[in-house]
């Protein structure tokens, strides 16, 4: 029988980039775009073209990878597996 093997790199495409929007953690750029009713294409290009925090439609957006590189900015990751609820 076929056994599914999970990819060791969970963030393998552009949709799976974890992000903080106004201090709230989202598991992907797509999830944040849907929750804040952003145009995904414009949101993605603006976030990816800037190194560090960026303001988009009045909201502060920062990638989780940038936060890990800059420990002076302490943003809390949610506890548990459910994420934003």
PDB file of N, CA and C in Angstrom:
ATOM      1  N   UNK A   1       0.843  -1.180   0.000  1.00  0.00           N
ATOM      2  CA  UNK A   1       0.000   0.000   0.000  1.00  0.00           C
ATOM      3  C   UNK A   1       0.887   1.242   0.000  1.00  0.00           C
ATOM      4  N   UNK A   2       0.414   2.279  -0.581  1.00  0.00           N
ATOM      5  CA  UNK A   2       1.138   3.538  -0.677  1.00  0.00           C
ATOM      6  C   UNK A   2       1.199   4.228   0.679  1.00  0.00           C
ATOM      7  N   UNK A   3       2.382   4.661   1.069  1.00  0.00           N
ATOM      8  CA  UNK A   3       2.543   5.393   2.324  1.00  0.00           C
ATOM      9  C   UNK A   3       2.940   6.828   2.001  1.00  0.00           C
ATOM     10  N   UNK A   4       2.158   7.760   2.479  1.00  0.00           N
ATOM     11  CA  UNK A   4       2.430   9.170   2.213  1.00  0.00           C
ATOM     12  C   UNK A   4       3.586   9.637   3.093  1.00  0.00           C
ATOM     13  N   UNK A   5       4.579  10.254   2.481  1.00  0.00           N
ATOM     14  CA  UNK A   5       5.728  10.777   3.199  1.00  0.00           C
ATOM     15  C   UNK A   5       5.639  12.293   3.171  1.00  0.00           C
ATOM     16  N   UNK A   6       5.660  12.905   4.340  1.00  0.00           N
ATOM     17  CA  UNK A   6       5.561  14.348   4.412  1.00  0.00           C
ATOM     18  C   UNK A   6       6.881  14.998   4.027  1.00  0.00           C
ATOM     19  N   UNK A   7       6.787  16.104   3.352  1.00  0.00           N
ATOM     20  CA  UNK A   7       7.973  16.851   2.944  1.00  0.00           C
ATOM     21  C   UNK A   7       8.615  17.476   4.178  1.00  0.00           C
ATOM     22  N   UNK A   8       9.945  17.317   4.374  1.00  0.00           N
ATOM     23  CA  UNK A   8      10.591  17.912   5.542  1.00  0.00           C
ATOM     24  C   UNK A   8      10.610  19.446   5.506  1.00  0.00           C
ATOM     25  N   UNK A   9      10.368  20.038   4.344  1.00  0.00           N
ATOM     26  CA  UNK A   9      10.300  21.493   4.218  1.00  0.00           C
ATOM     27  C   UNK A   9       8.834  21.887   4.061  1.00  0.00           C
ATOM     28  N   UNK A  10       8.130  22.205   5.147  1.00  0.00           N
ATOM     29  CA  UNK A  10       6.696  22.461   5.045  1.00  0.00           C
ATOM     30  C   UNK A  10       6.363  23.731   4.273  1.00  0.00           C
ATOM     31  N   UNK A  11       7.291  24.681   4.188  1.00  0.00           N
ATOM     32  CA  UNK A  11       7.011  25.944   3.498  1.00  0.00           C
ATOM     33  C   UNK A  11       7.639  25.891   2.116  1.00  0.00           C
ATOM     34  N   UNK A  12       7.121  25.012   1.281  1.00  0.00           N
ATOM     35  CA  UNK A  12       7.736  24.750  -0.006  1.00  0.00           C
ATOM     36  C   UNK A  12       7.182  25.600  -1.139  1.00  0.00           C
ATOM     37  N   UNK A  13       6.117  26.324  -0.914  1.00  0.00           N
ATOM     38  CA  UNK A  13       5.615  27.193  -1.969  1.00  0.00           C
ATOM     39  C   UNK A  13       5.246  28.560  -1.402  1.00  0.00           C
ATOM     40  N   UNK A  14       4.886  29.462  -2.263  1.00  0.00           N
ATOM     41  CA  UNK A  14       4.642  30.844  -1.845  1.00  0.00           C
ATOM     42  C   UNK A  14       3.403  31.005  -0.980  1.00  0.00           C
ATOM     43  N   UNK A  15       2.483  30.058  -1.028  1.00  0.00           N
ATOM     44  CA  UNK A  15       1.260  30.167  -0.243  1.00  0.00           C
ATOM     45  C   UNK A  15       1.476  29.836   1.228  1.00  0.00           C
ATOM     46  N   UNK A  16       2.533  29.114   1.538  1.00  0.00           N
ATOM     47  CA  UNK A  16       2.761  28.621   2.900  1.00  0.00           C
ATOM     48  C   UNK A  16       3.738  29.471   3.692  1.00  0.00           C
ATOM     49  N   UNK A  17       3.895  30.730   3.389  1.00  0.00           N
ATOM     50  CA  UNK A  17       4.813  31.588   4.124  1.00  0.00           C
ATOM     51  C   UNK A  17       4.106  32.132   5.365  1.00  0.00           C
ATOM     52  N   UNK A  18       4.511  31.722   6.587  1.00  0.00           N
ATOM     53  CA  UNK A  18       3.888  32.237   7.807  1.00  0.00           C
ATOM     54  C   UNK A  18       4.127  33.736   7.935  1.00  0.00           C
ATOM     55  N   UNK A  19       3.137  34.443   8.457  1.00  0.00           N
ATOM     56  CA  UNK A  19       3.197  35.896   8.501  1.00  0.00           C
ATOM     57  C   UNK A  19       2.472  36.405   9.749  1.00  0.00           C
ATOM     58  N   UNK A  20       2.912  37.555  10.242  1.00  0.00           N
ATOM     59  CA  UNK A  20       2.228  38.266  11.320  1.00  0.00           C
ATOM     60  C   UNK A  20       1.582  39.515  10.730  1.00  0.00           C
ATOM     61  N   UNK A  21       0.302  39.698  11.002  1.00  0.00           N
ATOM     62  CA  UNK A  21      -0.414  40.900  10.582  1.00  0.00           C
ATOM     63  C   UNK A  21      -0.932  41.569  11.842  1.00  0.00           C
ATOM     64  N   UNK A  22      -0.444  42.753  12.125  1.00  0.00           N
ATOM     65  CA  UNK A  22      -0.791  43.494  13.345  1.00  0.00           C
ATOM     66  C   UNK A  22      -0.572  42.646  14.598  1.00  0.00           C
ATOM     67  N   UNK A  23       0.473  41.828  14.591  1.00  0.00           N
ATOM     68  CA  UNK A  23       0.807  41.005  15.742  1.00  0.00           C
ATOM     69  C   UNK A  23       0.076  39.678  15.813  1.00  0.00           C
ATOM     70  N   UNK A  24      -0.874  39.434  14.918  1.00  0.00           N
ATOM     71  CA  UNK A  24      -1.600  38.163  14.877  1.00  0.00           C
ATOM     72  C   UNK A  24      -0.901  37.217  13.913  1.00  0.00           C
ATOM     73  N   UNK A  25      -0.715  35.971  14.324  1.00  0.00           N
ATOM     74  CA  UNK A  25      -0.007  34.985  13.518  1.00  0.00           C
ATOM     75  C   UNK A  25      -0.952  34.303  12.535  1.00  0.00           C
ATOM     76  N   UNK A  26      -0.512  34.179  11.287  1.00  0.00           N
ATOM     77  CA  UNK A  26      -1.248  33.447  10.262  1.00  0.00           C
ATOM     78  C   UNK A  26      -0.308  32.411   9.661  1.00  0.00           C
ATOM     79  N   UNK A  27      -0.825  31.215   9.379  1.00  0.00           N
ATOM     80  CA  UNK A  27      -0.004  30.133   8.867  1.00  0.00           C
ATOM     81  C   UNK A  27       0.424  30.344   7.424  1.00  0.00           C
ATOM     82  N   UNK A  28      -0.225  31.243   6.697  1.00  0.00           N
ATOM     83  CA  UNK A  28       0.160  31.486   5.310  1.00  0.00           C
ATOM     84  C   UNK A  28      -0.261  32.888   4.884  1.00  0.00           C
ATOM     85  N   UNK A  29       0.389  33.372   3.839  1.00  0.00           N
ATOM     86  CA  UNK A  29       0.009  34.663   3.259  1.00  0.00           C
ATOM     87  C   UNK A  29      -1.407  34.606   2.714  1.00  0.00           C
ATOM     88  N   UNK A  30      -1.766  33.467   2.152  1.00  0.00           N
ATOM     89  CA  UNK A  30      -3.102  33.312   1.581  1.00  0.00           C
ATOM     90  C   UNK A  30      -4.179  33.422   2.664  1.00  0.00           C
ATOM     91  N   UNK A  31      -3.953  32.789   3.813  1.00  0.00           N
ATOM     92  CA  UNK A  31      -4.909  32.853   4.918  1.00  0.00           C
ATOM     93  C   UNK A  31      -5.072  34.293   5.413  1.00  0.00           C
ATOM     94  N   UNK A  32      -3.956  35.018   5.535  1.00  0.00           N
ATOM     95  CA  UNK A  32      -4.020  36.408   5.980  1.00  0.00           C
ATOM     96  C   UNK A  32      -4.747  37.267   4.955  1.00  0.00           C
ATOM     97  N   UNK A  33      -4.492  37.049   3.673  1.00  0.00           N
ATOM     98  CA  UNK A  33      -5.158  37.817   2.622  1.00  0.00           C
ATOM     99  C   UNK A  33      -6.666  37.583   2.641  1.00  0.00           C
ATOM    100  N   UNK A  34      -7.071  36.349   2.871  1.00  0.00           N
ATOM    101  CA  UNK A  34      -8.499  36.040   2.915  1.00  0.00           C
ATOM    102  C   UNK A  34      -9.149  36.677   4.144  1.00  0.00           C
ATOM    103  N   UNK A  35      -8.516  36.561   5.305  1.00  0.00           N
ATOM    104  CA  UNK A  35      -9.098  37.094   6.536  1.00  0.00           C
ATOM    105  C   UNK A  35      -9.226  38.614   6.516  1.00  0.00           C
ATOM    106  N   UNK A  36      -8.272  39.302   5.891  1.00  0.00           N
ATOM    107  CA  UNK A  36      -8.318  40.761   5.846  1.00  0.00           C
ATOM    108  C   UNK A  36      -8.895  41.297   4.545  1.00  0.00           C
ATOM    109  N   UNK A  37      -9.386  40.399   3.680  1.00  0.00           N
ATOM    110  CA  UNK A  37      -9.994  40.760   2.405  1.00  0.00           C
ATOM    111  C   UNK A  37      -9.049  41.587   1.536  1.00  0.00           C
ATOM    112  N   UNK A  38      -7.793  41.127   1.451  1.00  0.00           N
ATOM    113  CA  UNK A  38      -6.794  41.746   0.584  1.00  0.00           C
ATOM    114  C   UNK A  38      -6.804  41.022  -0.758  1.00  0.00           C
ATOM    115  N   UNK A  39      -6.355  41.729  -1.793  1.00  0.00           N
ATOM    116  CA  UNK A  39      -6.073  41.074  -3.058  1.00  0.00           C
ATOM    117  C   UNK A  39      -4.789  40.273  -2.858  1.00  0.00           C
ATOM    118  N   UNK A  40      -4.845  38.951  -3.057  1.00  0.00           N
ATOM    119  CA  UNK A  40      -3.681  38.120  -2.744  1.00  0.00           C
ATOM    120  C   UNK A  40      -2.464  38.511  -3.575  1.00  0.00           C
ATOM    121  N   UNK A  41      -2.645  38.754  -4.869  1.00  0.00           N
ATOM    122  CA  UNK A  41      -1.507  39.078  -5.728  1.00  0.00           C
ATOM    123  C   UNK A  41      -0.800  40.352  -5.271  1.00  0.00           C
ATOM    124  N   UNK A  42      -1.542  41.408  -5.020  1.00  0.00           N
ATOM    125  CA  UNK A  42      -0.934  42.673  -4.582  1.00  0.00           C
ATOM    126  C   UNK A  42      -0.327  42.524  -3.194  1.00  0.00           C
ATOM    127  N   UNK A  43      -0.993  41.802  -2.307  1.00  0.00           N
ATOM    128  CA  UNK A  43      -0.484  41.565  -0.958  1.00  0.00           C
ATOM    129  C   UNK A  43       0.836  40.801  -1.013  1.00  0.00           C
ATOM    130  N   UNK A  44       0.878  39.732  -1.787  1.00  0.00           N
ATOM    131  CA  UNK A  44       2.084  38.915  -1.918  1.00  0.00           C
ATOM    132  C   UNK A  44       3.251  39.724  -2.481  1.00  0.00           C
ATOM    133  N   UNK A  45       3.030  40.467  -3.559  1.00  0.00           N
ATOM    134  CA  UNK A  45       4.118  41.225  -4.175  1.00  0.00           C
ATOM    135  C   UNK A  45       4.634  42.317  -3.250  1.00  0.00           C
ATOM    136  N   UNK A  46       3.756  42.995  -2.538  1.00  0.00           N
ATOM    137  CA  UNK A  46       4.197  44.055  -1.629  1.00  0.00           C
ATOM    138  C   UNK A  46       5.018  43.483  -0.476  1.00  0.00           C
ATOM    139  N   UNK A  47       4.566  42.390   0.120  1.00  0.00           N
ATOM    140  CA  UNK A  47       5.275  41.784   1.245  1.00  0.00           C
ATOM    141  C   UNK A  47       6.623  41.228   0.795  1.00  0.00           C
ATOM    142  N   UNK A  48       6.654  40.551  -0.330  1.00  0.00           N
ATOM    143  CA  UNK A  48       7.880  39.904  -0.781  1.00  0.00           C
ATOM    144  C   UNK A  48       8.901  40.896  -1.346  1.00  0.00           C
ATOM    145  N   UNK A  49       8.480  42.072  -1.778  1.00  0.00           N
ATOM    146  CA  UNK A  49       9.410  43.061  -2.330  1.00  0.00           C
ATOM    147  C   UNK A  49      10.087  43.892  -1.251  1.00  0.00           C
ATOM    148  N   UNK A  50       9.665  43.787  -0.010  1.00  0.00           N
ATOM    149  CA  UNK A  50      10.254  44.554   1.084  1.00  0.00           C
ATOM    150  C   UNK A  50      10.969  43.623   2.052  1.00  0.00           C
ATOM    151  N   UNK A  51      12.097  44.084   2.540  1.00  0.00           N
ATOM    152  CA  UNK A  51      12.831  43.319   3.543  1.00  0.00           C
ATOM    153  C   UNK A  51      12.490  43.913   4.899  1.00  0.00           C
ATOM    154  N   UNK A  52      11.644  43.227   5.643  1.00  0.00           N
ATOM    155  CA  UNK A  52      11.248  43.711   6.959  1.00  0.00           C
ATOM    156  C   UNK A  52       9.776  44.053   6.997  1.00  0.00           C
ATOM    157  N   UNK A  53       9.345  44.718   8.050  1.00  0.00           N
ATOM    158  CA  UNK A  53       7.925  45.070   8.192  1.00  0.00           C
ATOM    159  C   UNK A  53       7.462  46.013   7.083  1.00  0.00           C
ATOM    160  N   UNK A  54       6.262  45.824   6.650  1.00  0.00           N
ATOM    161  CA  UNK A  54       5.673  46.650   5.605  1.00  0.00           C
ATOM    162  C   UNK A  54       4.246  46.994   6.022  1.00  0.00           C
ATOM    163  N   UNK A  55       3.792  48.176   5.648  1.00  0.00           N
ATOM    164  CA  UNK A  55       2.415  48.585   5.922  1.00  0.00           C
ATOM    165  C   UNK A  55       1.590  48.349   4.669  1.00  0.00           C
ATOM    166  N   UNK A  56       0.537  47.568   4.810  1.00  0.00           N
ATOM    167  CA  UNK A  56      -0.348  47.282   3.686  1.00  0.00           C
ATOM    168  C   UNK A  56      -1.777  47.569   4.118  1.00  0.00           C
ATOM    169  N   UNK A  57      -2.401  48.503   3.461  1.00  0.00           N
ATOM    170  CA  UNK A  57      -3.790  48.865   3.729  1.00  0.00           C
ATOM    171  C   UNK A  57      -4.019  49.187   5.217  1.00  0.00           C
ATOM    172  N   UNK A  58      -3.045  49.872   5.824  1.00  0.00           N
ATOM    173  CA  UNK A  58      -3.170  50.278   7.216  1.00  0.00           C
ATOM    174  C   UNK A  58      -2.794  49.217   8.231  1.00  0.00           C
ATOM    175  N   UNK A  59      -2.320  48.064   7.787  1.00  0.00           N
ATOM    176  CA  UNK A  59      -1.931  46.968   8.669  1.00  0.00           C
ATOM    177  C   UNK A  59      -0.437  46.718   8.557  1.00  0.00           C
ATOM    178  N   UNK A  60       0.217  46.437   9.678  1.00  0.00           N
ATOM    179  CA  UNK A  60       1.638  46.112   9.686  1.00  0.00           C
ATOM    180  C   UNK A  60       1.808  44.631   9.442  1.00  0.00           C
ATOM    181  N   UNK A  61       2.596  44.299   8.427  1.00  0.00           N
ATOM    182  CA  UNK A  61       2.791  42.914   8.010  1.00  0.00           C
ATOM    183  C   UNK A  61       4.276  42.589   8.072  1.00  0.00           C
ATOM    184  N   UNK A  62       4.609  41.440   8.658  1.00  0.00           N
ATOM    185  CA  UNK A  62       6.003  40.993   8.719  1.00  0.00           C
ATOM    186  C   UNK A  62       6.038  39.473   8.595  1.00  0.00           C
ATOM    187  N   UNK A  63       7.003  38.971   7.810  1.00  0.00           N
ATOM    188  CA  UNK A  63       7.161  37.530   7.639  1.00  0.00           C
ATOM    189  C   UNK A  63       7.774  36.910   8.885  1.00  0.00           C
ATOM    190  N   UNK A  64       7.381  35.683   9.187  1.00  0.00           N
ATOM    191  CA  UNK A  64       7.928  34.987  10.346  1.00  0.00           C
ATOM    192  C   UNK A  64       9.434  34.770  10.202  1.00  0.00           C
ATOM    193  N   UNK A  65       9.912  34.535   8.991  1.00  0.00           N
ATOM    194  CA  UNK A  65      11.347  34.332   8.776  1.00  0.00           C
ATOM    195  C   UNK A  65      12.136  35.585   9.156  1.00  0.00           C
ATOM    196  N   UNK A  66      11.578  36.777   8.911  1.00  0.00           N
ATOM    197  CA  UNK A  66      12.248  38.020   9.282  1.00  0.00           C
ATOM    198  C   UNK A  66      12.268  38.177  10.798  1.00  0.00           C
ATOM    199  N   UNK A  67      11.194  37.808  11.459  1.00  0.00           N
ATOM    200  CA  UNK A  67      11.116  37.912  12.921  1.00  0.00           C
ATOM    201  C   UNK A  67      12.145  36.991  13.572  1.00  0.00           C
ATOM    202  N   UNK A  68      12.342  35.800  12.992  1.00  0.00           N
ATOM    203  CA  UNK A  68      13.339  34.876  13.538  1.00  0.00           C
ATOM    204  C   UNK A  68      14.759  35.419  13.397  1.00  0.00           C
ATOM    205  N   UNK A  69      15.028  36.179  12.348  1.00  0.00           N
ATOM    206  CA  UNK A  69      16.351  36.767  12.133  1.00  0.00           C
ATOM    207  C   UNK A  69      16.584  37.984  13.026  1.00  0.00           C
ATOM    208  N   UNK A  70      15.528  38.608  13.495  1.00  0.00           N
ATOM    209  CA  UNK A  70      15.619  39.805  14.329  1.00  0.00           C
ATOM    210  C   UNK A  70      14.930  39.548  15.671  1.00  0.00           C
ATOM    211  N   UNK A  71      15.657  38.955  16.629  1.00  0.00           N
ATOM    212  CA  UNK A  71      15.026  38.570  17.908  1.00  0.00           C
ATOM    213  C   UNK A  71      14.613  39.761  18.777  1.00  0.00           C
ATOM    214  N   UNK A  72      15.033  40.967  18.426  1.00  0.00           N
ATOM    215  CA  UNK A  72      14.625  42.122  19.229  1.00  0.00           C
ATOM    216  C   UNK A  72      13.130  42.419  19.091  1.00  0.00           C
ATOM    217  N   UNK A  73      12.493  41.903  18.039  1.00  0.00           N
ATOM    218  CA  UNK A  73      11.052  42.025  17.865  1.00  0.00           C
ATOM    219  C   UNK A  73      10.425  40.740  18.351  1.00  0.00           C
ATOM    220  N   UNK A  74       9.774  40.774  19.490  1.00  0.00           N
ATOM    221  CA  UNK A  74       9.219  39.552  20.082  1.00  0.00           C
ATOM    222  C   UNK A  74       7.723  39.503  19.818  1.00  0.00           C
ATOM    223  N   UNK A  75       7.344  38.645  18.910  1.00  0.00           N
ATOM    224  CA  UNK A  75       5.936  38.406  18.616  1.00  0.00           C
ATOM    225  C   UNK A  75       5.619  36.984  19.042  1.00  0.00           C
ATOM    226  N   UNK A  76       4.500  36.814  19.702  1.00  0.00           N
ATOM    227  CA  UNK A  76       4.132  35.513  20.246  1.00  0.00           C
ATOM    228  C   UNK A  76       3.432  34.657  19.188  1.00  0.00           C
ATOM    229  N   UNK A  77       3.908  33.428  19.051  1.00  0.00           N
ATOM    230  CA  UNK A  77       3.241  32.466  18.198  1.00  0.00           C
ATOM    231  C   UNK A  77       2.112  31.836  19.010  1.00  0.00           C
ATOM    232  N   UNK A  78       0.949  31.610  18.433  1.00  0.00           N
ATOM    233  CA  UNK A  78      -0.165  31.070  19.204  1.00  0.00           C
ATOM    234  C   UNK A  78       0.122  29.666  19.712  1.00  0.00           C
ATOM    235  N   UNK A  79      -0.443  29.335  20.839  1.00  0.00           N
ATOM    236  CA  UNK A  79      -0.289  28.003  21.432  1.00  0.00           C
ATOM    237  C   UNK A  79      -1.299  27.061  20.782  1.00  0.00           C
ATOM    238  N   UNK A  80      -0.952  25.803  20.676  1.00  0.00           N
ATOM    239  CA  UNK A  80      -1.866  24.808  20.114  1.00  0.00           C
ATOM    240  C   UNK A  80      -1.723  24.701  18.610  1.00  0.00           C
ATOM    241  N   UNK A  81      -2.541  23.835  18.039  1.00  0.00           N
ATOM    242  CA  UNK A  81      -2.451  23.565  16.621  1.00  0.00           C
ATOM    243  C   UNK A  81      -3.513  24.268  15.798  1.00  0.00           C
ATOM    244  N   UNK A  82      -4.506  24.850  16.411  1.00  0.00           N
ATOM    245  CA  UNK A  82      -5.620  25.402  15.663  1.00  0.00           C
ATOM    246  C   UNK A  82      -5.313  26.754  15.041  1.00  0.00           C
ATOM    247  N   UNK A  83      -4.380  27.505  15.577  1.00  0.00           N
ATOM    248  CA  UNK A  83      -4.025  28.789  14.975  1.00  0.00           C
ATOM    249  C   UNK A  83      -4.973  29.887  15.372  1.00  0.00           C
ATOM    250  N   UNK A  84      -5.490  30.599  14.388  1.00  0.00           N
ATOM    251  CA  UNK A  84      -6.309  31.789  14.632  1.00  0.00           C
ATOM    252  C   UNK A  84      -7.756  31.393  14.879  1.00  0.00           C
ATOM    253  N   UNK A  85      -8.187  31.536  16.111  1.00  0.00           N
ATOM    254  CA  UNK A  85      -9.601  31.295  16.399  1.00  0.00           C
ATOM    255  C   UNK A  85     -10.046  32.210  17.503  1.00  0.00           C
TER     256      UNK A  85
END
